[in-house]
Amino acid sequence: MTNREENRYNMFKAVEAVLAANTVVTSAIPVFEETITGLHEKIEAIKTTDIEFTNATSGKTSVVHVKEDEVMKAFLPVKSALYDYAVKEKDEELKSLAGISESKLKRLRDSEQRLKIKSIYDTAVWNTANLQAYGITAETLSSLGGKITALENSAANKTTGHTNKSALRTKLDDLFESTDKLIKERLDNQAELLREKETAFYNQYFAARVVYDLGGSPVKPGNGGGTTPPPPPQQ
């Protein structure tokens, strides 16, 4: 949740608490039960969705970085061996491919870097027999291939996590909007039905309807609190 959303969420919880503490009063208006249940369900949905949103990509970025480091450590000796072989054989095309420096490789975008590494790796596999003199064996290349695959899978999981996070962000926005609407269009009006008969409840309810910022000050109209100012408590 953003700070603004947390302010609104705290207001939702405050309203829920007032309603829960006044069930005897609200039971006089049977329709209250439906809206109180609806408010509780929306608050729980906001809580659950916010947790899912926070965890959508949590840890996935760090996993990708670990996999990148593992690939780079295993890849650089293979690249160096392939480049030296290209120099020995005067193979300019192979030199151009394997001659990219570590610093330049690391400056590439992640997707471009993975493609470059995969291209050099594939070429090294084609030259397995030629690289044995450099201590690069089939087992060495197989191990590097496994690390490259693990990196690609981790990167794909990270992308999926970002996609899920975007969908959860939209869901969270919709939940806040629908909860605001439920309170403004239904609960506020239902509380008005008890304005004269249950003054203490009425005042408690609309006191809870004020959105406070994290510093404890009421949010002024127009500051994006998400609700219109409730009517002032009855004196």
C-alpha atoms as a PDB file:
ATOM      1  CA  MET A   1       0.000   0.000   0.000  1.00  0.00           C
ATOM      2  CA  THR A   2       1.042   3.574  -0.566  1.00  0.00           C
ATOM      3  CA  ASN A   3       0.956   5.992   2.379  1.00  0.00           C
ATOM      4  CA  ARG A   4      -2.277   7.473   1.037  1.00  0.00           C
ATOM      5  CA  GLU A   5      -3.844   4.035   0.793  1.00  0.00           C
ATOM      6  CA  GLU A   6      -2.699   3.142   4.286  1.00  0.00           C
ATOM      7  CA  ASN A   7      -4.458   6.268   5.532  1.00  0.00           C
ATOM      8  CA  ARG A   8      -7.677   5.161   3.859  1.00  0.00           C
ATOM      9  CA  TYR A   9      -7.255   1.575   5.040  1.00  0.00           C
ATOM     10  CA  ASN A  10      -6.917   2.806   8.638  1.00  0.00           C
ATOM     11  CA  MET A  11     -10.168   4.724   8.202  1.00  0.00           C
ATOM     12  CA  PHE A  12     -11.882   1.583   6.877  1.00  0.00           C
ATOM     13  CA  LYS A  13     -10.684  -0.327   9.944  1.00  0.00           C
ATOM     14  CA  ALA A  14     -11.808   2.447  12.286  1.00  0.00           C
ATOM     15  CA  VAL A  15     -15.305   2.404  10.772  1.00  0.00           C
ATOM     16  CA  GLU A  16     -15.398  -1.385  11.043  1.00  0.00           C
ATOM     17  CA  ALA A  17     -14.396  -1.170  14.721  1.00  0.00           C
ATOM     18  CA  VAL A  18     -17.177   1.315  15.523  1.00  0.00           C
ATOM     19  CA  LEU A  19     -19.732  -0.886  13.770  1.00  0.00           C
ATOM     20  CA  ALA A  20     -18.469  -4.003  15.575  1.00  0.00           C
ATOM     21  CA  ALA A  21     -18.770  -2.214  18.934  1.00  0.00           C
ATOM     22  CA  ASN A  22     -22.357  -1.135  18.234  1.00  0.00           C
ATOM     23  CA  THR A  23     -24.066  -4.288  16.957  1.00  0.00           C
ATOM     24  CA  VAL A  24     -27.000  -3.737  19.320  1.00  0.00           C
ATOM     25  CA  VAL A  25     -27.551  -0.317  17.779  1.00  0.00           C
ATOM     26  CA  THR A  26     -27.090  -1.341  14.149  1.00  0.00           C
ATOM     27  CA  SER A  27     -29.352  -4.373  14.549  1.00  0.00           C
ATOM     28  CA  ALA A  28     -32.254  -1.941  14.631  1.00  0.00           C
ATOM     29  CA  ILE A  29     -31.610  -1.416  10.898  1.00  0.00           C
ATOM     30  CA  PRO A  30     -31.545  -4.944   9.365  1.00  0.00           C
ATOM     31  CA  VAL A  31     -29.864  -3.779   6.129  1.00  0.00           C
ATOM     32  CA  PHE A  32     -26.814  -2.812   8.190  1.00  0.00           C
ATOM     33  CA  GLU A  33     -25.861  -6.484   8.487  1.00  0.00           C
ATOM     34  CA  GLU A  34     -25.395  -6.809   4.753  1.00  0.00           C
ATOM     35  CA  THR A  35     -23.212  -3.727   4.398  1.00  0.00           C
ATOM     36  CA  ILE A  36     -21.177  -4.461   7.524  1.00  0.00           C
ATOM     37  CA  THR A  37     -20.419  -7.924   6.155  1.00  0.00           C
ATOM     38  CA  GLY A  38     -19.521  -6.384   2.790  1.00  0.00           C
ATOM     39  CA  LEU A  39     -17.149  -3.926   4.463  1.00  0.00           C
ATOM     40  CA  HIS A  40     -15.427  -6.705   6.403  1.00  0.00           C
ATOM     41  CA  GLU A  41     -14.965  -8.788   3.250  1.00  0.00           C
ATOM     42  CA  LYS A  42     -13.467  -5.859   1.353  1.00  0.00           C
ATOM     43  CA  ILE A  43     -11.067  -5.007   4.183  1.00  0.00           C
ATOM     44  CA  GLU A  44      -9.877  -8.614   4.282  1.00  0.00           C
ATOM     45  CA  ALA A  45      -9.507  -8.635   0.491  1.00  0.00           C
ATOM     46  CA  ILE A  46      -7.395  -5.457   0.639  1.00  0.00           C
ATOM     47  CA  LYS A  47      -5.178  -6.986   3.320  1.00  0.00           C
ATOM     48  CA  THR A  48      -4.686 -10.234   1.370  1.00  0.00           C
ATOM     49  CA  THR A  49      -4.090  -8.494  -1.958  1.00  0.00           C
ATOM     50  CA  ASP A  50      -1.582  -6.101  -0.427  1.00  0.00           C
ATOM     51  CA  ILE A  51       0.424  -9.042   0.954  1.00  0.00           C
ATOM     52  CA  GLU A  52       0.329 -10.762  -2.450  1.00  0.00           C
ATOM     53  CA  PHE A  53       1.363  -7.494  -4.137  1.00  0.00           C
ATOM     54  CA  THR A  54       4.307  -7.024  -1.764  1.00  0.00           C
ATOM     55  CA  ASN A  55       5.478 -10.601  -2.271  1.00  0.00           C
ATOM     56  CA  ALA A  56       4.928 -10.714  -6.059  1.00  0.00           C
ATOM     57  CA  THR A  57       8.596 -10.103  -6.934  1.00  0.00           C
ATOM     58  CA  SER A  58      10.107 -10.310  -3.467  1.00  0.00           C
ATOM     59  CA  GLY A  59      13.357 -12.268  -3.582  1.00  0.00           C
ATOM     60  CA  LYS A  60      13.153 -12.922  -7.315  1.00  0.00           C
ATOM     61  CA  THR A  61      15.466 -10.063  -8.258  1.00  0.00           C
ATOM     62  CA  SER A  62      18.127 -11.224  -5.803  1.00  0.00           C
ATOM     63  CA  VAL A  63      17.885 -14.791  -7.157  1.00  0.00           C
ATOM     64  CA  VAL A  64      18.480 -13.508 -10.694  1.00  0.00           C
ATOM     65  CA  HIS A  65      21.558 -11.586  -9.521  1.00  0.00           C
ATOM     66  CA  VAL A  66      22.968 -14.694  -7.859  1.00  0.00           C
ATOM     67  CA  LYS A  67      22.401 -16.704 -11.050  1.00  0.00           C
ATOM     68  CA  GLU A  68      24.039 -13.969 -13.134  1.00  0.00           C
ATOM     69  CA  ASP A  69      27.142 -14.083 -10.959  1.00  0.00           C
ATOM     70  CA  GLU A  70      27.303 -17.870 -11.210  1.00  0.00           C
ATOM     71  CA  VAL A  71      27.037 -17.744 -14.998  1.00  0.00           C
ATOM     72  CA  MET A  72      29.649 -15.019 -15.340  1.00  0.00           C
ATOM     73  CA  LYS A  73      32.214 -16.868 -13.214  1.00  0.00           C
ATOM     74  CA  ALA A  74      31.788 -20.052 -15.244  1.00  0.00           C
ATOM     75  CA  PHE A  75      31.534 -18.232 -18.574  1.00  0.00           C
ATOM     76  CA  LEU A  76      34.625 -16.006 -18.567  1.00  0.00           C
ATOM     77  CA  PRO A  77      37.192 -18.849 -18.737  1.00  0.00           C
ATOM     78  CA  VAL A  78      35.281 -20.385 -21.650  1.00  0.00           C
ATOM     79  CA  LYS A  79      35.178 -17.053 -23.459  1.00  0.00           C
ATOM     80  CA  SER A  80      38.909 -16.518 -22.905  1.00  0.00           C
ATOM     81  CA  ALA A  81      39.760 -19.973 -24.200  1.00  0.00           C
ATOM     82  CA  LEU A  82      37.583 -19.505 -27.271  1.00  0.00           C
ATOM     83  CA  TYR A  83      39.185 -16.123 -27.989  1.00  0.00           C
ATOM     84  CA  ASP A  84      42.722 -17.495 -27.687  1.00  0.00           C
ATOM     85  CA  TYR A  85      41.812 -20.354 -30.013  1.00  0.00           C
ATOM     86  CA  ALA A  86      40.411 -17.822 -32.519  1.00  0.00           C
ATOM     87  CA  VAL A  87      43.656 -15.809 -32.366  1.00  0.00           C
ATOM     88  CA  LYS A  88      45.739 -18.949 -32.880  1.00  0.00           C
ATOM     89  CA  GLU A  89      43.617 -19.990 -35.868  1.00  0.00           C
ATOM     90  CA  LYS A  90      43.423 -16.424 -37.230  1.00  0.00           C
ATOM     91  CA  ASP A  91      39.644 -16.696 -37.235  1.00  0.00           C
ATOM     92  CA  GLU A  92      38.552 -13.050 -37.294  1.00  0.00           C
ATOM     93  CA  GLU A  93      34.840 -13.824 -37.050  1.00  0.00           C
ATOM     94  CA  LEU A  94      35.396 -15.958 -33.973  1.00  0.00           C
ATOM     95  CA  LYS A  95      37.697 -13.303 -32.498  1.00  0.00           C
ATOM     96  CA  SER A  96      34.976 -10.693 -32.953  1.00  0.00           C
ATOM     97  CA  LEU A  97      32.435 -12.894 -31.197  1.00  0.00           C
ATOM     98  CA  ALA A  98      34.578 -13.957 -28.247  1.00  0.00           C
ATOM     99  CA  GLY A  99      36.575 -10.736 -27.972  1.00  0.00           C
ATOM    100  CA  ILE A 100      33.947  -8.773 -26.063  1.00  0.00           C
ATOM    101  CA  SER A 101      35.435  -7.572 -22.779  1.00  0.00           C
ATOM    102  CA  GLU A 102      33.951  -8.411 -19.385  1.00  0.00           C
ATOM    103  CA  SER A 103      33.254  -4.734 -18.685  1.00  0.00           C
ATOM    104  CA  LYS A 104      31.427  -4.254 -21.991  1.00  0.00           C
ATOM    105  CA  LEU A 105      29.477  -7.464 -21.428  1.00  0.00           C
ATOM    106  CA  LYS A 106      28.306  -6.218 -18.048  1.00  0.00           C
ATOM    107  CA  ARG A 107      27.180  -2.904 -19.537  1.00  0.00           C
ATOM    108  CA  LEU A 108      24.744  -4.637 -21.869  1.00  0.00           C
ATOM    109  CA  ARG A 109      21.065  -4.809 -20.989  1.00  0.00           C
ATOM    110  CA  ASP A 110      20.236  -8.016 -19.126  1.00  0.00           C
ATOM    111  CA  SER A 111      18.429  -9.577 -22.075  1.00  0.00           C
ATOM    112  CA  GLU A 112      21.207  -8.606 -24.502  1.00  0.00           C
ATOM    113  CA  GLN A 113      23.855  -9.930 -22.121  1.00  0.00           C
ATOM    114  CA  ARG A 114      22.110 -13.291 -21.865  1.00  0.00           C
ATOM    115  CA  LEU A 115      21.833 -13.543 -25.653  1.00  0.00           C
ATOM    116  CA  LYS A 116      25.543 -12.718 -26.083  1.00  0.00           C
ATOM    117  CA  ILE A 117      26.603 -15.267 -23.493  1.00  0.00           C
ATOM    118  CA  LYS A 118      24.356 -17.912 -25.055  1.00  0.00           C
ATOM    119  CA  SER A 119      25.806 -17.226 -28.513  1.00  0.00           C
ATOM    120  CA  ILE A 120      29.401 -17.571 -27.292  1.00  0.00           C
ATOM    121  CA  TYR A 121      28.475 -20.653 -25.266  1.00  0.00           C
ATOM    122  CA  ASP A 122      26.867 -22.339 -28.285  1.00  0.00           C
ATOM    123  CA  THR A 123      29.964 -21.614 -30.359  1.00  0.00           C
ATOM    124  CA  ALA A 124      32.162 -23.038 -27.604  1.00  0.00           C
ATOM    125  CA  VAL A 125      30.100 -26.234 -27.619  1.00  0.00           C
ATOM    126  CA  TRP A 126      30.708 -26.552 -31.371  1.00  0.00           C
ATOM    127  CA  ASN A 127      34.423 -26.247 -30.618  1.00  0.00           C
ATOM    128  CA  THR A 128      34.528 -28.604 -27.626  1.00  0.00           C
ATOM    129  CA  ALA A 129      37.355 -30.673 -29.083  1.00  0.00           C
ATOM    130  CA  ASN A 130      39.404 -27.561 -29.865  1.00  0.00           C
ATOM    131  CA  LEU A 131      39.038 -26.170 -26.339  1.00  0.00           C
ATOM    132  CA  GLN A 132      40.213 -29.260 -24.473  1.00  0.00           C
ATOM    133  CA  ALA A 133      43.788 -27.999 -24.646  1.00  0.00           C
ATOM    134  CA  TYR A 134      42.640 -25.035 -22.543  1.00  0.00           C
ATOM    135  CA  GLY A 135      41.154 -27.253 -19.845  1.00  0.00           C
ATOM    136  CA  ILE A 136      37.627 -26.628 -21.139  1.00  0.00           C
ATOM    137  CA  THR A 137      36.000 -30.061 -21.238  1.00  0.00           C
ATOM    138  CA  ALA A 138      32.553 -31.276 -22.230  1.00  0.00           C
ATOM    139  CA  GLU A 139      31.735 -31.426 -18.522  1.00  0.00           C
ATOM    140  CA  THR A 140      32.822 -27.800 -18.111  1.00  0.00           C
ATOM    141  CA  LEU A 141      30.525 -26.712 -20.905  1.00  0.00           C
ATOM    142  CA  SER A 142      27.665 -28.869 -19.632  1.00  0.00           C
ATOM    143  CA  SER A 143      27.949 -27.232 -16.211  1.00  0.00           C
ATOM    144  CA  LEU A 144      27.942 -23.769 -17.798  1.00  0.00           C
ATOM    145  CA  GLY A 145      24.904 -24.732 -19.889  1.00  0.00           C
ATOM    146  CA  GLY A 146      23.031 -25.731 -16.757  1.00  0.00           C
ATOM    147  CA  LYS A 147      23.829 -22.395 -15.133  1.00  0.00           C
ATOM    148  CA  ILE A 148      22.670 -20.499 -18.237  1.00  0.00           C
ATOM    149  CA  THR A 149      19.367 -22.406 -18.223  1.00  0.00           C
ATOM    150  CA  ALA A 150      18.877 -21.701 -14.509  1.00  0.00           C
ATOM    151  CA  LEU A 151      19.464 -17.983 -15.145  1.00  0.00           C
ATOM    152  CA  GLU A 152      16.972 -17.920 -18.021  1.00  0.00           C
ATOM    153  CA  ASN A 153      14.348 -19.624 -15.836  1.00  0.00           C
ATOM    154  CA  SER A 154      14.925 -17.182 -12.981  1.00  0.00           C
ATOM    155  CA  ALA A 155      14.657 -14.214 -15.355  1.00  0.00           C
ATOM    156  CA  ALA A 156      11.379 -15.607 -16.739  1.00  0.00           C
ATOM    157  CA  ASN A 157      10.015 -16.029 -13.201  1.00  0.00           C
ATOM    158  CA  LYS A 158      10.947 -12.441 -12.423  1.00  0.00           C
ATOM    159  CA  THR A 159       9.095 -11.221 -15.520  1.00  0.00           C
ATOM    160  CA  THR A 160       6.046 -13.254 -14.536  1.00  0.00           C
ATOM    161  CA  GLY A 161       6.252 -11.759 -11.056  1.00  0.00           C
ATOM    162  CA  HIS A 162       6.183  -8.228 -12.488  1.00  0.00           C
ATOM    163  CA  THR A 163       3.166  -9.145 -14.634  1.00  0.00           C
ATOM    164  CA  ASN A 164       1.358 -10.538 -11.593  1.00  0.00           C
ATOM    165  CA  LYS A 165       2.300  -7.463  -9.590  1.00  0.00           C
ATOM    166  CA  SER A 166       0.735  -5.193 -12.198  1.00  0.00           C
ATOM    167  CA  ALA A 167      -2.513  -7.183 -12.071  1.00  0.00           C
ATOM    168  CA  LEU A 168      -2.513  -7.083  -8.256  1.00  0.00           C
ATOM    169  CA  ARG A 169      -1.926  -3.318  -8.336  1.00  0.00           C
ATOM    170  CA  THR A 170      -5.058  -2.924 -10.472  1.00  0.00           C
ATOM    171  CA  LYS A 171      -7.010  -5.219  -8.142  1.00  0.00           C
ATOM    172  CA  LEU A 172      -5.900  -3.174  -5.124  1.00  0.00           C
ATOM    173  CA  ASP A 173      -6.981   0.068  -6.791  1.00  0.00           C
ATOM    174  CA  ASP A 174     -10.405  -1.431  -7.549  1.00  0.00           C
ATOM    175  CA  LEU A 175     -10.810  -2.678  -3.969  1.00  0.00           C
ATOM    176  CA  PHE A 176     -10.073   0.737  -2.485  1.00  0.00           C
ATOM    177  CA  GLU A 177     -12.484   2.390  -4.894  1.00  0.00           C
ATOM    178  CA  SER A 178     -15.290  -0.090  -4.211  1.00  0.00           C
ATOM    179  CA  THR A 179     -14.751   0.118  -0.433  1.00  0.00           C
ATOM    180  CA  ASP A 180     -14.925   3.918  -0.549  1.00  0.00           C
ATOM    181  CA  LYS A 181     -18.110   3.622  -2.568  1.00  0.00           C
ATOM    182  CA  LEU A 182     -19.684   1.152  -0.127  1.00  0.00           C
ATOM    183  CA  ILE A 183     -18.990   3.455   2.798  1.00  0.00           C
ATOM    184  CA  LYS A 184     -20.018   6.701   1.103  1.00  0.00           C
ATOM    185  CA  GLU A 185     -23.097   5.464  -0.731  1.00  0.00           C
ATOM    186  CA  ARG A 186     -24.467   2.950   1.768  1.00  0.00           C
ATOM    187  CA  LEU A 187     -22.992   2.969   5.277  1.00  0.00           C
ATOM    188  CA  ASP A 188     -23.002   6.771   5.593  1.00  0.00           C
ATOM    189  CA  ASN A 189     -26.653   6.860   4.588  1.00  0.00           C
ATOM    190  CA  GLN A 190     -27.541   4.009   6.907  1.00  0.00           C
ATOM    191  CA  ALA A 191     -25.840   5.820   9.787  1.00  0.00           C
ATOM    192  CA  GLU A 192     -28.017   8.844   8.986  1.00  0.00           C
ATOM    193  CA  LEU A 193     -31.070   6.717   9.786  1.00  0.00           C
ATOM    194  CA  LEU A 194     -29.894   6.609  13.414  1.00  0.00           C
ATOM    195  CA  ARG A 195     -28.886  10.254  13.689  1.00  0.00           C
ATOM    196  CA  GLU A 196     -31.686  11.240  16.038  1.00  0.00           C
ATOM    197  CA  LYS A 197     -32.219   7.996  17.954  1.00  0.00           C
ATOM    198  CA  GLU A 198     -28.581   6.978  18.468  1.00  0.00           C
ATOM    199  CA  THR A 199     -26.598  10.209  18.696  1.00  0.00           C
ATOM    200  CA  ALA A 200     -23.566   8.659  20.426  1.00  0.00           C
ATOM    201  CA  PHE A 201     -23.234   6.002  17.728  1.00  0.00           C
ATOM    202  CA  TYR A 202     -23.751   8.584  14.999  1.00  0.00           C
ATOM    203  CA  ASN A 203     -20.967  10.795  16.378  1.00  0.00           C
ATOM    204  CA  GLN A 204     -18.604   7.834  16.820  1.00  0.00           C
ATOM    205  CA  TYR A 205     -19.262   6.631  13.281  1.00  0.00           C
ATOM    206  CA  PHE A 206     -18.524   9.934  11.594  1.00  0.00           C
ATOM    207  CA  ALA A 207     -15.520  10.583  13.823  1.00  0.00           C
ATOM    208  CA  ALA A 208     -14.124   7.294  12.484  1.00  0.00           C
ATOM    209  CA  ARG A 209     -14.826   8.452   8.942  1.00  0.00           C
ATOM    210  CA  VAL A 210     -12.047  11.063   9.066  1.00  0.00           C
ATOM    211  CA  VAL A 211      -8.967   9.999   7.102  1.00  0.00           C
ATOM    212  CA  TYR A 212      -5.753  10.675   9.054  1.00  0.00           C
ATOM    213  CA  ASP A 213      -2.287  10.855   7.589  1.00  0.00           C
ATOM    214  CA  LEU A 214       0.546   8.794   9.087  1.00  0.00           C
ATOM    215  CA  GLY A 215       1.527  11.750  11.271  1.00  0.00           C
ATOM    216  CA  GLY A 216      -1.881  11.744  12.894  1.00  0.00           C
ATOM    217  CA  SER A 217      -3.400  14.807  11.234  1.00  0.00           C
ATOM    218  CA  PRO A 218      -6.756  14.768   9.460  1.00  0.00           C
ATOM    219  CA  VAL A 219      -6.505  14.706   5.680  1.00  0.00           C
ATOM    220  CA  LYS A 220      -7.996  17.892   4.291  1.00  0.00           C
ATOM    221  CA  PRO A 221     -10.554  17.728   1.473  1.00  0.00           C
ATOM    222  CA  GLY A 222      -8.809  17.501  -1.871  1.00  0.00           C
ATOM    223  CA  ASN A 223      -5.695  15.785  -0.510  1.00  0.00           C
ATOM    224  CA  GLY A 224      -6.624  12.472  -2.061  1.00  0.00           C
ATOM    225  CA  GLY A 225      -7.986  10.798   1.043  1.00  0.00           C
ATOM    226  CA  GLY A 226     -10.491   9.007  -1.149  1.00  0.00           C
ATOM    227  CA  THR A 227     -13.636  10.151   0.680  1.00  0.00           C
ATOM    228  CA  THR A 228     -15.740  13.265   0.752  1.00  0.00           C
ATOM    229  CA  PRO A 229     -15.791  14.965   4.147  1.00  0.00           C
ATOM    230  CA  PRO A 230     -18.441  13.344   6.376  1.00  0.00           C
ATOM    231  CA  PRO A 231     -21.020  15.551   8.041  1.00  0.00           C
ATOM    232  CA  PRO A 232     -19.835  17.051  11.320  1.00  0.00           C
ATOM    233  CA  PRO A 233     -20.762  15.154  14.484  1.00  0.00           C
ATOM    234  CA  GLN A 234     -23.923  16.325  16.129  1.00  0.00           C
ATOM    235  CA  GLN A 235     -23.349  18.452  19.213  1.00  0.00           C
END
